[in-house]
Amino acid sequence: RCPNISECWNHGTATFLLLGDTCTRSCR
């Protein structure tokens, strides 16, 4: 839920998430 998603996606870039979309850790 990055607050900069509109700016970055409008810029034509994105940060890709590897290894699926679920994590084995639970950072708060």
mmCIF file of all heavy atoms, coordinates in Angstrom:
data_MODEL
# 
_entry.id   MODEL 
# 
loop_
_atom_site.group_PDB 
_atom_site.id 
_atom_site.type_symbol 
_atom_site.label_atom_id 
_atom_site.label_alt_id 
_atom_site.label_comp_id 
_atom_site.label_asym_id 
_atom_site.label_entity_id 
_atom_site.label_seq_id 
_atom_site.pdbx_PDB_ins_code 
_atom_site.Cartn_x 
_atom_site.Cartn_y 
_atom_site.Cartn_z 
_atom_site.occupancy 
_atom_site.B_iso_or_equiv 
_atom_site.pdbx_formal_charge 
_atom_site.auth_seq_id 
_atom_site.auth_comp_id 
_atom_site.auth_asym_id 
_atom_site.auth_atom_id 
_atom_site.pdbx_PDB_model_num 
ATOM 1   N N   . ARG A 1 1  ? 0.826  -1.218  0.000   1.00 0.00 ? 1  ARG A N   1 
ATOM 2   C CA  . ARG A 1 1  ? 0.000  0.000   0.000   1.00 0.00 ? 1  ARG A CA  1 
ATOM 3   C C   . ARG A 1 1  ? 0.860  1.269   0.000   1.00 0.00 ? 1  ARG A C   1 
ATOM 4   O O   . ARG A 1 1  ? 0.671  2.187   0.805   1.00 0.00 ? 1  ARG A O   1 
ATOM 5   C CB  . ARG A 1 1  ? -0.940 0.003   1.214   1.00 0.00 ? 1  ARG A CB  1 
ATOM 6   C CG  . ARG A 1 1  ? -1.799 -1.237  1.320   1.00 0.00 ? 1  ARG A CG  1 
ATOM 7   C CD  . ARG A 1 1  ? -2.607 -1.298  2.585   1.00 0.00 ? 1  ARG A CD  1 
ATOM 8   N NE  . ARG A 1 1  ? -3.177 -2.621  2.793   1.00 0.00 ? 1  ARG A NE  1 
ATOM 9   C CZ  . ARG A 1 1  ? -3.854 -2.983  3.873   1.00 0.00 ? 1  ARG A CZ  1 
ATOM 10  N NH1 . ARG A 1 1  ? -4.051 -2.114  4.847   1.00 0.00 ? 1  ARG A NH1 1 
ATOM 11  N NH2 . ARG A 1 1  ? -4.326 -4.209  3.986   1.00 0.00 ? 1  ARG A NH2 1 
ATOM 12  N N   . CYS A 1 2  ? 1.813  1.296   -0.905  1.00 0.00 ? 2  CYS A N   1 
ATOM 13  C CA  . CYS A 1 2  ? 2.748  2.423   -0.972  1.00 0.00 ? 2  CYS A CA  1 
ATOM 14  C C   . CYS A 1 2  ? 2.027  3.718   -1.340  1.00 0.00 ? 2  CYS A C   1 
ATOM 15  O O   . CYS A 1 2  ? 1.235  3.746   -2.282  1.00 0.00 ? 2  CYS A O   1 
ATOM 16  C CB  . CYS A 1 2  ? 3.840  2.124   -1.999  1.00 0.00 ? 2  CYS A CB  1 
ATOM 17  S SG  . CYS A 1 2  ? 5.037  3.467   -2.172  1.00 0.00 ? 2  CYS A SG  1 
ATOM 18  N N   . PRO A 1 3  ? 2.304  4.821   -0.639  1.00 0.00 ? 3  PRO A N   1 
ATOM 19  C CA  . PRO A 1 3  ? 1.649  6.090   -0.948  1.00 0.00 ? 3  PRO A CA  1 
ATOM 20  C C   . PRO A 1 3  ? 2.108  6.711   -2.264  1.00 0.00 ? 3  PRO A C   1 
ATOM 21  O O   . PRO A 1 3  ? 1.472  7.628   -2.777  1.00 0.00 ? 3  PRO A O   1 
ATOM 22  C CB  . PRO A 1 3  ? 2.040  6.987   0.239   1.00 0.00 ? 3  PRO A CB  1 
ATOM 23  C CG  . PRO A 1 3  ? 3.348  6.434   0.702   1.00 0.00 ? 3  PRO A CG  1 
ATOM 24  C CD  . PRO A 1 3  ? 3.215  4.941   0.524   1.00 0.00 ? 3  PRO A CD  1 
ATOM 25  N N   . ASN A 1 4  ? 3.201  6.196   -2.815  1.00 0.00 ? 4  ASN A N   1 
ATOM 26  C CA  . ASN A 1 4  ? 3.747  6.777   -4.050  1.00 0.00 ? 4  ASN A CA  1 
ATOM 27  C C   . ASN A 1 4  ? 3.354  5.996   -5.299  1.00 0.00 ? 4  ASN A C   1 
ATOM 28  O O   . ASN A 1 4  ? 3.896  6.249   -6.374  1.00 0.00 ? 4  ASN A O   1 
ATOM 29  C CB  . ASN A 1 4  ? 5.288  6.819   -3.957  1.00 0.00 ? 4  ASN A CB  1 
ATOM 30  C CG  . ASN A 1 4  ? 5.768  7.578   -2.746  1.00 0.00 ? 4  ASN A CG  1 
ATOM 31  O OD1 . ASN A 1 4  ? 5.345  8.696   -2.501  1.00 0.00 ? 4  ASN A OD1 1 
ATOM 32  N ND2 . ASN A 1 4  ? 6.652  6.964   -1.981  1.00 0.00 ? 4  ASN A ND2 1 
ATOM 33  N N   . ILE A 1 5  ? 2.432  5.078   -5.174  1.00 0.00 ? 5  ILE A N   1 
ATOM 34  C CA  . ILE A 1 5  ? 2.113  4.203   -6.301  1.00 0.00 ? 5  ILE A CA  1 
ATOM 35  C C   . ILE A 1 5  ? 1.686  4.990   -7.534  1.00 0.00 ? 5  ILE A C   1 
ATOM 36  O O   . ILE A 1 5  ? 2.107  4.685   -8.649  1.00 0.00 ? 5  ILE A O   1 
ATOM 37  C CB  . ILE A 1 5  ? 1.033  3.160   -5.917  1.00 0.00 ? 5  ILE A CB  1 
ATOM 38  C CG1 . ILE A 1 5  ? 0.799  2.198   -7.087  1.00 0.00 ? 5  ILE A CG1 1 
ATOM 39  C CG2 . ILE A 1 5  ? -0.260 3.819   -5.463  1.00 0.00 ? 5  ILE A CG2 1 
ATOM 40  C CD1 . ILE A 1 5  ? -0.074 0.998   -6.722  1.00 0.00 ? 5  ILE A CD1 1 
ATOM 41  N N   . SER A 1 6  ? 0.891  6.031   -7.360  1.00 0.00 ? 6  SER A N   1 
ATOM 42  C CA  . SER A 1 6  ? 0.437  6.794   -8.526  1.00 0.00 ? 6  SER A CA  1 
ATOM 43  C C   . SER A 1 6  ? 1.593  7.506   -9.206  1.00 0.00 ? 6  SER A C   1 
ATOM 44  O O   . SER A 1 6  ? 1.723  7.483   -10.436 1.00 0.00 ? 6  SER A O   1 
ATOM 45  C CB  . SER A 1 6  ? -0.633 7.810   -8.106  1.00 0.00 ? 6  SER A CB  1 
ATOM 46  O OG  . SER A 1 6  ? -1.808 7.144   -7.709  1.00 0.00 ? 6  SER A OG  1 
ATOM 47  N N   . GLU A 1 7  ? 2.467  8.125   -8.405  1.00 0.00 ? 7  GLU A N   1 
ATOM 48  C CA  . GLU A 1 7  ? 3.608  8.834   -8.983  1.00 0.00 ? 7  GLU A CA  1 
ATOM 49  C C   . GLU A 1 7  ? 4.516  7.873   -9.743  1.00 0.00 ? 7  GLU A C   1 
ATOM 50  O O   . GLU A 1 7  ? 4.908  8.149   -10.880 1.00 0.00 ? 7  GLU A O   1 
ATOM 51  C CB  . GLU A 1 7  ? 4.411  9.553   -7.895  1.00 0.00 ? 7  GLU A CB  1 
ATOM 52  C CG  . GLU A 1 7  ? 5.628  10.282  -8.436  1.00 0.00 ? 7  GLU A CG  1 
ATOM 53  C CD  . GLU A 1 7  ? 6.476  10.928  -7.366  1.00 0.00 ? 7  GLU A CD  1 
ATOM 54  O OE1 . GLU A 1 7  ? 6.046  10.975  -6.193  1.00 0.00 ? 7  GLU A OE1 1 
ATOM 55  O OE2 . GLU A 1 7  ? 7.571  11.408  -7.699  1.00 0.00 ? 7  GLU A OE2 1 
ATOM 56  N N   . CYS A 1 8  ? 4.833  6.753   -9.117  1.00 0.00 ? 8  CYS A N   1 
ATOM 57  C CA  . CYS A 1 8  ? 5.765  5.812   -9.751  1.00 0.00 ? 8  CYS A CA  1 
ATOM 58  C C   . CYS A 1 8  ? 5.145  5.145   -10.972 1.00 0.00 ? 8  CYS A C   1 
ATOM 59  O O   . CYS A 1 8  ? 5.794  5.015   -12.014 1.00 0.00 ? 8  CYS A O   1 
ATOM 60  C CB  . CYS A 1 8  ? 6.209  4.763   -8.738  1.00 0.00 ? 8  CYS A CB  1 
ATOM 61  S SG  . CYS A 1 8  ? 7.243  5.439   -7.405  1.00 0.00 ? 8  CYS A SG  1 
ATOM 62  N N   . TRP A 1 9  ? 3.893  4.732   -10.865 1.00 0.00 ? 9  TRP A N   1 
ATOM 63  C CA  . TRP A 1 9  ? 3.265  4.071   -12.006 1.00 0.00 ? 9  TRP A CA  1 
ATOM 64  C C   . TRP A 1 9  ? 3.015  5.061   -13.134 1.00 0.00 ? 9  TRP A C   1 
ATOM 65  O O   . TRP A 1 9  ? 3.062  4.705   -14.302 1.00 0.00 ? 9  TRP A O   1 
ATOM 66  C CB  . TRP A 1 9  ? 1.976  3.369   -11.567 1.00 0.00 ? 9  TRP A CB  1 
ATOM 67  C CG  . TRP A 1 9  ? 2.262  2.082   -10.835 1.00 0.00 ? 9  TRP A CG  1 
ATOM 68  C CD1 . TRP A 1 9  ? 3.395  1.776   -10.129 1.00 0.00 ? 9  TRP A CD1 1 
ATOM 69  C CD2 . TRP A 1 9  ? 1.419  0.938   -10.745 1.00 0.00 ? 9  TRP A CD2 1 
ATOM 70  N NE1 . TRP A 1 9  ? 3.294  0.519   -9.594  1.00 0.00 ? 9  TRP A NE1 1 
ATOM 71  C CE2 . TRP A 1 9  ? 2.101  -0.025  -9.950  1.00 0.00 ? 9  TRP A CE2 1 
ATOM 72  C CE3 . TRP A 1 9  ? 0.147  0.632   -11.226 1.00 0.00 ? 9  TRP A CE3 1 
ATOM 73  C CZ2 . TRP A 1 9  ? 1.546  -1.261  -9.657  1.00 0.00 ? 9  TRP A CZ2 1 
ATOM 74  C CZ3 . TRP A 1 9  ? -0.396 -0.615  -10.924 1.00 0.00 ? 9  TRP A CZ3 1 
ATOM 75  C CH2 . TRP A 1 9  ? 0.295  -1.546  -10.154 1.00 0.00 ? 9  TRP A CH2 1 
ATOM 76  N N   . ASN A 1 10 ? 2.754  6.311   -12.798 1.00 0.00 ? 10 ASN A N   1 
ATOM 77  C CA  . ASN A 1 10 ? 2.648  7.330   -13.839 1.00 0.00 ? 10 ASN A CA  1 
ATOM 78  C C   . ASN A 1 10 ? 3.996  7.567   -14.510 1.00 0.00 ? 10 ASN A C   1 
ATOM 79  O O   . ASN A 1 10 ? 4.071  7.953   -15.677 1.00 0.00 ? 10 ASN A O   1 
ATOM 80  C CB  . ASN A 1 10 ? 2.128  8.654   -13.262 1.00 0.00 ? 10 ASN A CB  1 
ATOM 81  C CG  . ASN A 1 10 ? 0.638  8.616   -12.985 1.00 0.00 ? 10 ASN A CG  1 
ATOM 82  O OD1 . ASN A 1 10 ? -0.104 7.887   -13.634 1.00 0.00 ? 10 ASN A OD1 1 
ATOM 83  N ND2 . ASN A 1 10 ? 0.190  9.387   -12.008 1.00 0.00 ? 10 ASN A ND2 1 
ATOM 84  N N   . HIS A 1 11 ? 5.064  7.336   -13.746 1.00 0.00 ? 11 HIS A N   1 
ATOM 85  C CA  . HIS A 1 11 ? 6.410  7.489   -14.286 1.00 0.00 ? 11 HIS A CA  1 
ATOM 86  C C   . HIS A 1 11 ? 6.770  6.300   -15.177 1.00 0.00 ? 11 HIS A C   1 
ATOM 87  O O   . HIS A 1 11 ? 7.757  6.329   -15.903 1.00 0.00 ? 11 HIS A O   1 
ATOM 88  C CB  . HIS A 1 11 ? 7.410  7.618   -13.132 1.00 0.00 ? 11 HIS A CB  1 
ATOM 89  C CG  . HIS A 1 11 ? 8.786  8.005   -13.553 1.00 0.00 ? 11 HIS A CG  1 
ATOM 90  N ND1 . HIS A 1 11 ? 9.726  7.082   -13.960 1.00 0.00 ? 11 HIS A ND1 1 
ATOM 91  C CD2 . HIS A 1 11 ? 9.395  9.215   -13.653 1.00 0.00 ? 11 HIS A CD2 1 
ATOM 92  C CE1 . HIS A 1 11 ? 10.857 7.705   -14.262 1.00 0.00 ? 11 HIS A CE1 1 
ATOM 93  N NE2 . HIS A 1 11 ? 10.686 8.988   -14.093 1.00 0.00 ? 11 HIS A NE2 1 
ATOM 94  N N   . GLY A 1 12 ? 5.954  5.252   -15.093 1.00 0.00 ? 12 GLY A N   1 
ATOM 95  C CA  . GLY A 1 12 ? 6.204  4.067   -15.909 1.00 0.00 ? 12 GLY A CA  1 
ATOM 96  C C   . GLY A 1 12 ? 7.131  3.066   -15.266 1.00 0.00 ? 12 GLY A C   1 
ATOM 97  O O   . GLY A 1 12 ? 7.852  2.335   -15.949 1.00 0.00 ? 12 GLY A O   1 
ATOM 98  N N   . THR A 1 13 ? 7.150  3.012   -13.934 1.00 0.00 ? 13 THR A N   1 
ATOM 99  C CA  . THR A 1 13 ? 7.999  2.049   -13.252 1.00 0.00 ? 13 THR A CA  1 
ATOM 100 C C   . THR A 1 13 ? 7.232  1.405   -12.117 1.00 0.00 ? 13 THR A C   1 
ATOM 101 O O   . THR A 1 13 ? 6.207  1.923   -11.663 1.00 0.00 ? 13 THR A O   1 
ATOM 102 C CB  . THR A 1 13 ? 9.279  2.705   -12.714 1.00 0.00 ? 13 THR A CB  1 
ATOM 103 O OG1 . THR A 1 13 ? 10.164 1.689   -12.241 1.00 0.00 ? 13 THR A OG1 1 
ATOM 104 C CG2 . THR A 1 13 ? 8.973  3.661   -11.574 1.00 0.00 ? 13 THR A CG2 1 
ATOM 105 N N   . ALA A 1 14 ? 7.714  0.260   -11.669 1.00 0.00 ? 14 ALA A N   1 
ATOM 106 C CA  . ALA A 1 14 ? 7.091  -0.455  -10.558 1.00 0.00 ? 14 ALA A CA  1 
ATOM 107 C C   . ALA A 1 14 ? 8.146  -1.320  -9.896  1.00 0.00 ? 14 ALA A C   1 
ATOM 108 O O   . ALA A 1 14 ? 9.164  -1.645  -10.508 1.00 0.00 ? 14 ALA A O   1 
ATOM 109 C CB  . ALA A 1 14 ? 5.937  -1.329  -11.059 1.00 0.00 ? 14 ALA A CB  1 
ATOM 110 N N   . THR A 1 15 ? 7.908  -1.677  -8.633  1.00 0.00 ? 15 THR A N   1 
ATOM 111 C CA  . THR A 1 15 ? 8.822  -2.564  -7.920  1.00 0.00 ? 15 THR A CA  1 
ATOM 112 C C   . THR A 1 15 ? 8.183  -3.943  -7.845  1.00 0.00 ? 15 THR A C   1 
ATOM 113 O O   . THR A 1 15 ? 7.170  -4.127  -7.165  1.00 0.00 ? 15 THR A O   1 
ATOM 114 C CB  . THR A 1 15 ? 9.126  -2.029  -6.506  1.00 0.00 ? 15 THR A CB  1 
ATOM 115 O OG1 . THR A 1 15 ? 9.764  -0.761  -6.619  1.00 0.00 ? 15 THR A OG1 1 
ATOM 116 C CG2 . THR A 1 15 ? 10.041 -2.983  -5.752  1.00 0.00 ? 15 THR A CG2 1 
ATOM 117 N N   . PHE A 1 16 ? 8.762  -4.892  -8.569  1.00 0.00 ? 16 PHE A N   1 
ATOM 118 C CA  . PHE A 1 16 ? 8.167  -6.215  -8.667  1.00 0.00 ? 16 PHE A CA  1 
ATOM 119 C C   . PHE A 1 16 ? 8.461  -7.046  -7.417  1.00 0.00 ? 16 PHE A C   1 
ATOM 120 O O   . PHE A 1 16 ? 9.555  -6.998  -6.862  1.00 0.00 ? 16 PHE A O   1 
ATOM 121 C CB  . PHE A 1 16 ? 8.688  -6.932  -9.909  1.00 0.00 ? 16 PHE A CB  1 
ATOM 122 C CG  . PHE A 1 16 ? 8.217  -6.304  -11.187 1.00 0.00 ? 16 PHE A CG  1 
ATOM 123 C CD1 . PHE A 1 16 ? 9.032  -5.427  -11.897 1.00 0.00 ? 16 PHE A CD1 1 
ATOM 124 C CD2 . PHE A 1 16 ? 6.945  -6.560  -11.675 1.00 0.00 ? 16 PHE A CD2 1 
ATOM 125 C CE1 . PHE A 1 16 ? 8.600  -4.841  -13.069 1.00 0.00 ? 16 PHE A CE1 1 
ATOM 126 C CE2 . PHE A 1 16 ? 6.500  -5.980  -12.852 1.00 0.00 ? 16 PHE A CE2 1 
ATOM 127 C CZ  . PHE A 1 16 ? 7.320  -5.111  -13.547 1.00 0.00 ? 16 PHE A CZ  1 
ATOM 128 N N   . LEU A 1 17 ? 7.457  -7.809  -7.011  1.00 0.00 ? 17 LEU A N   1 
ATOM 129 C CA  . LEU A 1 17 ? 7.539  -8.635  -5.807  1.00 0.00 ? 17 LEU A CA  1 
ATOM 130 C C   . LEU A 1 17 ? 7.689  -10.096 -6.208  1.00 0.00 ? 17 LEU A C   1 
ATOM 131 O O   . LEU A 1 17 ? 6.779  -10.692 -6.793  1.00 0.00 ? 17 LEU A O   1 
ATOM 132 C CB  . LEU A 1 17 ? 6.277  -8.429  -4.966  1.00 0.00 ? 17 LEU A CB  1 
ATOM 133 C CG  . LEU A 1 17 ? 6.236  -9.084  -3.589  1.00 0.00 ? 17 LEU A CG  1 
ATOM 134 C CD1 . LEU A 1 17 ? 7.275  -8.440  -2.660  1.00 0.00 ? 17 LEU A CD1 1 
ATOM 135 C CD2 . LEU A 1 17 ? 4.837  -8.943  -2.980  1.00 0.00 ? 17 LEU A CD2 1 
ATOM 136 N N   . LEU A 1 18 ? 8.839  -10.679 -5.892  1.00 0.00 ? 18 LEU A N   1 
ATOM 137 C CA  . LEU A 1 18 ? 9.115  -12.064 -6.228  1.00 0.00 ? 18 LEU A CA  1 
ATOM 138 C C   . LEU A 1 18 ? 8.633  -13.013 -5.131  1.00 0.00 ? 18 LEU A C   1 
ATOM 139 O O   . LEU A 1 18 ? 8.347  -12.594 -4.014  1.00 0.00 ? 18 LEU A O   1 
ATOM 140 C CB  . LEU A 1 18 ? 10.615 -12.292 -6.426  1.00 0.00 ? 18 LEU A CB  1 
ATOM 141 C CG  . LEU A 1 18 ? 11.252 -11.882 -7.754  1.00 0.00 ? 18 LEU A CG  1 
ATOM 142 C CD1 . LEU A 1 18 ? 11.210 -10.379 -7.953  1.00 0.00 ? 18 LEU A CD1 1 
ATOM 143 C CD2 . LEU A 1 18 ? 12.695 -12.375 -7.821  1.00 0.00 ? 18 LEU A CD2 1 
ATOM 144 N N   . LEU A 1 19 ? 8.578  -14.286 -5.472  1.00 0.00 ? 19 LEU A N   1 
ATOM 145 C CA  . LEU A 1 19 ? 8.338  -15.379 -4.516  1.00 0.00 ? 19 LEU A CA  1 
ATOM 146 C C   . LEU A 1 19 ? 6.918  -15.415 -3.975  1.00 0.00 ? 19 LEU A C   1 
ATOM 147 O O   . LEU A 1 19 ? 6.656  -15.940 -2.889  1.00 0.00 ? 19 LEU A O   1 
ATOM 148 C CB  . LEU A 1 19 ? 9.332  -15.312 -3.339  1.00 0.00 ? 19 LEU A CB  1 
ATOM 149 C CG  . LEU A 1 19 ? 10.811 -15.158 -3.693  1.00 0.00 ? 19 LEU A CG  1 
ATOM 150 C CD1 . LEU A 1 19 ? 11.651 -15.069 -2.425  1.00 0.00 ? 19 LEU A CD1 1 
ATOM 151 C CD2 . LEU A 1 19 ? 11.281 -16.326 -4.550  1.00 0.00 ? 19 LEU A CD2 1 
ATOM 152 N N   . GLY A 1 20 ? 5.976  -14.838 -4.718  1.00 0.00 ? 20 GLY A N   1 
ATOM 153 C CA  . GLY A 1 20 ? 4.589  -14.841 -4.282  1.00 0.00 ? 20 GLY A CA  1 
ATOM 154 C C   . GLY A 1 20 ? 4.201  -13.569 -3.561  1.00 0.00 ? 20 GLY A C   1 
ATOM 155 O O   . GLY A 1 20 ? 4.945  -12.583 -3.557  1.00 0.00 ? 20 GLY A O   1 
ATOM 156 N N   . ASP A 1 21 ? 3.035  -13.592 -2.928  1.00 0.00 ? 21 ASP A N   1 
ATOM 157 C CA  . ASP A 1 21 ? 2.540  -12.392 -2.245  1.00 0.00 ? 21 ASP A CA  1 
ATOM 158 C C   . ASP A 1 21 ? 2.235  -12.639 -0.772  1.00 0.00 ? 21 ASP A C   1 
ATOM 159 O O   . ASP A 1 21 ? 1.522  -11.871 -0.134  1.00 0.00 ? 21 ASP A O   1 
ATOM 160 C CB  . ASP A 1 21 ? 1.288  -11.847 -2.948  1.00 0.00 ? 21 ASP A CB  1 
ATOM 161 C CG  . ASP A 1 21 ? 0.126  -12.841 -2.929  1.00 0.00 ? 21 ASP A CG  1 
ATOM 162 O OD1 . ASP A 1 21 ? 0.349  -14.019 -2.590  1.00 0.00 ? 21 ASP A OD1 1 
ATOM 163 O OD2 . ASP A 1 21 ? -1.001 -12.431 -3.255  1.00 0.00 ? 21 ASP A OD2 1 
ATOM 164 N N   . THR A 1 22 ? 2.778  -13.733 -0.215  1.00 0.00 ? 22 THR A N   1 
ATOM 165 C CA  . THR A 1 22 ? 2.593  -14.013 1.209   1.00 0.00 ? 22 THR A CA  1 
ATOM 166 C C   . THR A 1 22 ? 3.954  -14.251 1.855   1.00 0.00 ? 22 THR A C   1 
ATOM 167 O O   . THR A 1 22 ? 4.858  -14.825 1.245   1.00 0.00 ? 22 THR A O   1 
ATOM 168 C CB  . THR A 1 22 ? 1.701  -15.246 1.430   1.00 0.00 ? 22 THR A CB  1 
ATOM 169 O OG1 . THR A 1 22 ? 2.266  -16.373 0.755   1.00 0.00 ? 22 THR A OG1 1 
ATOM 170 C CG2 . THR A 1 22 ? 0.293  -14.985 0.910   1.00 0.00 ? 22 THR A CG2 1 
ATOM 171 N N   . CYS A 1 23 ? 4.102  -13.816 3.078   1.00 0.00 ? 23 CYS A N   1 
ATOM 172 C CA  . CYS A 1 23 ? 5.397  -13.793 3.766   1.00 0.00 ? 23 CYS A CA  1 
ATOM 173 C C   . CYS A 1 23 ? 5.413  -14.758 4.945   1.00 0.00 ? 23 CYS A C   1 
ATOM 174 O O   . CYS A 1 23 ? 4.383  -14.983 5.593   1.00 0.00 ? 23 CYS A O   1 
ATOM 175 C CB  . CYS A 1 23 ? 5.659  -12.359 4.247   1.00 0.00 ? 23 CYS A CB  1 
ATOM 176 S SG  . CYS A 1 23 ? 7.312  -12.079 4.913   1.00 0.00 ? 23 CYS A SG  1 
ATOM 177 N N   . THR A 1 24 ? 6.579  -15.321 5.234   1.00 0.00 ? 24 THR A N   1 
ATOM 178 C CA  . THR A 1 24 ? 6.711  -16.225 6.374   1.00 0.00 ? 24 THR A CA  1 
ATOM 179 C C   . THR A 1 24 ? 7.004  -15.477 7.665   1.00 0.00 ? 24 THR A C   1 
ATOM 180 O O   . THR A 1 24 ? 7.086  -16.103 8.727   1.00 0.00 ? 24 THR A O   1 
ATOM 181 C CB  . THR A 1 24 ? 7.828  -17.260 6.123   1.00 0.00 ? 24 THR A CB  1 
ATOM 182 O OG1 . THR A 1 24 ? 9.048  -16.582 5.826   1.00 0.00 ? 24 THR A OG1 1 
ATOM 183 C CG2 . THR A 1 24 ? 7.456  -18.179 4.963   1.00 0.00 ? 24 THR A CG2 1 
ATOM 184 N N   . ARG A 1 25 ? 7.171  -14.182 7.583   1.00 0.00 ? 25 ARG A N   1 
ATOM 185 C CA  . ARG A 1 25 ? 7.390  -13.376 8.791   1.00 0.00 ? 25 ARG A CA  1 
ATOM 186 C C   . ARG A 1 25 ? 6.191  -12.462 9.028   1.00 0.00 ? 25 ARG A C   1 
ATOM 187 O O   . ARG A 1 25 ? 5.357  -12.276 8.154   1.00 0.00 ? 25 ARG A O   1 
ATOM 188 C CB  . ARG A 1 25 ? 8.684  -12.570 8.683   1.00 0.00 ? 25 ARG A CB  1 
ATOM 189 C CG  . ARG A 1 25 ? 9.909  -13.456 8.572   1.00 0.00 ? 25 ARG A CG  1 
ATOM 190 C CD  . ARG A 1 25 ? 11.204 -12.693 8.698   1.00 0.00 ? 25 ARG A CD  1 
ATOM 191 N NE  . ARG A 1 25 ? 12.349 -13.564 8.440   1.00 0.00 ? 25 ARG A NE  1 
ATOM 192 C CZ  . ARG A 1 25 ? 13.614 -13.166 8.457   1.00 0.00 ? 25 ARG A CZ  1 
ATOM 193 N NH1 . ARG A 1 25 ? 13.907 -11.895 8.717   1.00 0.00 ? 25 ARG A NH1 1 
ATOM 194 N NH2 . ARG A 1 25 ? 14.589 -14.010 8.197   1.00 0.00 ? 25 ARG A NH2 1 
ATOM 195 N N   . SER A 1 26 ? 6.149  -11.887 10.210  1.00 0.00 ? 26 SER A N   1 
ATOM 196 C CA  . SER A 1 26 ? 4.998  -11.051 10.573  1.00 0.00 ? 26 SER A CA  1 
ATOM 197 C C   . SER A 1 26 ? 5.471  -9.744  11.208  1.00 0.00 ? 26 SER A C   1 
ATOM 198 O O   . SER A 1 26 ? 5.209  -9.473  12.375  1.00 0.00 ? 26 SER A O   1 
ATOM 199 C CB  . SER A 1 26 ? 4.068  -11.798 11.528  1.00 0.00 ? 26 SER A CB  1 
ATOM 200 O OG  . SER A 1 26 ? 4.798  -12.326 12.642  1.00 0.00 ? 26 SER A OG  1 
ATOM 201 N N   . CYS A 1 27 ? 6.205  -8.966  10.419  1.00 0.00 ? 27 CYS A N   1 
ATOM 202 C CA  . CYS A 1 27 ? 6.660  -7.651  10.902  1.00 0.00 ? 27 CYS A CA  1 
ATOM 203 C C   . CYS A 1 27 ? 5.451  -6.760  11.179  1.00 0.00 ? 27 CYS A C   1 
ATOM 204 O O   . CYS A 1 27 ? 4.485  -6.761  10.408  1.00 0.00 ? 27 CYS A O   1 
ATOM 205 C CB  . CYS A 1 27 ? 7.574  -7.002  9.867   1.00 0.00 ? 27 CYS A CB  1 
ATOM 206 S SG  . CYS A 1 27 ? 9.092  -7.930  9.560   1.00 0.00 ? 27 CYS A SG  1 
ATOM 207 N N   . ARG A 1 28 ? 5.517  -5.984  12.217  1.00 0.00 ? 28 ARG A N   1 
ATOM 208 C CA  . ARG A 1 28 ? 4.356  -5.219  12.660  1.00 0.00 ? 28 ARG A CA  1 
ATOM 209 C C   . ARG A 1 28 ? 4.174  -3.898  11.924  1.00 0.00 ? 28 ARG A C   1 
ATOM 210 O O   . ARG A 1 28 ? 3.310  -3.102  12.280  1.00 0.00 ? 28 ARG A O   1 
ATOM 211 C CB  . ARG A 1 28 ? 4.436  -4.966  14.168  1.00 0.00 ? 28 ARG A CB  1 
ATOM 212 C CG  . ARG A 1 28 ? 4.261  -6.240  14.996  1.00 0.00 ? 28 ARG A CG  1 
ATOM 213 C CD  . ARG A 1 28 ? 3.812  -5.916  16.392  1.00 0.00 ? 28 ARG A CD  1 
ATOM 214 N NE  . ARG A 1 28 ? 2.543  -5.205  16.382  1.00 0.00 ? 28 ARG A NE  1 
ATOM 215 C CZ  . ARG A 1 28 ? 2.214  -4.245  17.252  1.00 0.00 ? 28 ARG A CZ  1 
ATOM 216 N NH1 . ARG A 1 28 ? 3.102  -3.857  18.163  1.00 0.00 ? 28 ARG A NH1 1 
ATOM 217 N NH2 . ARG A 1 28 ? 1.046  -3.655  17.196  1.00 0.00 ? 28 ARG A NH2 1 
# 
